[in-house]
Amino acid sequence: MSTTATFYHAGCPVCVAAEQGLAESLDPAKFKVDIVHLGQEKSRVEEAERAGVKSVPAMVIGGQVYHINHGADLAALKA
């Protein structure tokens, strides 16, 4: 059984680097990776907020939020 790892980002260079370095390196036998570009999927900003995401890039695994570097505040993506 695999665990879902949701990677939220905004498409900025910091986010793209994190996606390539982290999200793509997770073992697909252990993790189902859901990559969410919040700039393109604005309907999922509230979902990220409910999960505890404060800035992107961030990954949520098993209800735990892991903030990676700092590309953009989530509040800026709501505008």
Protein backbone atom coordinates (compact mmCIF):
# COMPACT_ATOMS: atom_id res chain seq x y z
CA MET A 1 0.00 0.00 0.00
CA SER A 2 1.29 3.49 -0.84
CA THR A 3 0.93 6.74 1.04
CA THR A 4 -0.15 9.88 -0.78
CA ALA A 5 2.39 12.70 -0.74
CA THR A 6 0.86 15.95 -1.98
CA PHE A 7 3.39 18.47 -3.29
CA TYR A 8 2.01 22.01 -3.50
CA HIS A 9 3.83 24.65 -5.51
CA ALA A 10 3.33 27.84 -7.50
CA GLY A 11 5.61 27.23 -10.48
CA CYS A 12 8.39 29.55 -9.32
CA PRO A 13 12.04 28.51 -9.76
CA VAL A 14 12.33 27.50 -6.07
CA CYS A 15 9.22 25.32 -6.44
CA VAL A 16 10.37 23.70 -9.67
CA ALA A 17 13.76 22.87 -8.15
CA ALA A 18 12.07 21.34 -5.10
CA GLU A 19 9.75 19.29 -7.32
CA GLN A 20 12.67 17.92 -9.31
CA GLY A 21 14.82 17.30 -6.24
CA LEU A 22 12.28 15.96 -3.78
CA ALA A 23 8.90 15.03 -5.20
CA GLU A 24 10.38 13.11 -8.11
CA SER A 25 12.80 11.23 -5.85
CA LEU A 26 10.15 9.54 -3.70
CA ASP A 27 9.87 5.79 -4.17
CA PRO A 28 6.73 5.19 -6.29
CA ALA A 29 6.26 1.81 -4.55
CA LYS A 30 5.82 3.67 -1.24
CA PHE A 31 4.32 7.00 -2.28
CA LYS A 32 1.65 8.16 -4.69
CA VAL A 33 2.76 11.71 -5.46
CA ASP A 34 0.08 14.29 -6.23
CA ILE A 35 1.73 17.42 -7.68
CA VAL A 36 -0.49 20.49 -7.37
CA HIS A 37 0.43 23.74 -9.16
CA LEU A 38 -1.62 26.22 -7.14
CA GLY A 39 -1.16 28.95 -9.74
CA GLN A 40 -3.04 26.75 -12.20
CA GLU A 41 -5.34 24.96 -9.74
CA LYS A 42 -6.61 27.85 -7.62
CA SER A 43 -9.55 25.70 -6.52
CA ARG A 44 -7.08 23.69 -4.39
CA VAL A 45 -5.62 26.64 -2.44
CA GLU A 46 -8.17 26.16 0.35
CA GLU A 47 -7.32 22.45 0.48
CA ALA A 48 -3.64 23.34 0.99
CA GLU A 49 -4.59 25.86 3.65
CA ARG A 50 -6.70 23.28 5.53
CA ALA A 51 -3.75 20.89 5.41
CA GLY A 52 -1.61 23.51 7.18
CA VAL A 53 0.43 24.80 4.25
CA LYS A 54 1.65 28.36 4.91
CA SER A 55 4.00 28.78 1.95
CA VAL A 56 5.07 26.89 -1.13
CA PRO A 57 6.81 24.71 -2.02
CA ALA A 58 5.46 22.33 0.60
CA MET A 59 4.72 18.65 0.83
CA VAL A 60 2.02 17.01 2.92
CA ILE A 61 2.54 13.38 3.89
CA GLY A 62 0.26 11.61 6.35
CA GLY A 63 -1.19 14.90 7.57
CA GLN A 64 2.26 16.36 8.31
CA VAL A 65 3.31 19.50 6.42
CA TYR A 66 6.92 19.88 5.29
CA HIS A 67 7.74 23.42 4.16
CA ILE A 68 10.64 23.45 1.71
CA ASN A 69 12.63 26.65 1.28
CA HIS A 70 10.31 29.61 0.58
CA GLY A 71 8.90 30.48 -2.83
CA ALA A 72 5.60 32.22 -2.07
CA ASP A 73 3.20 32.72 0.81
CA LEU A 74 -0.06 30.85 0.41
CA ALA A 75 -1.93 34.11 1.01
CA ALA A 76 -0.41 35.56 -2.17
CA LEU A 77 -1.90 32.71 -4.19
CA LYS A 78 -5.40 33.44 -2.89
CA ALA A 79 -5.42 36.87 -4.54
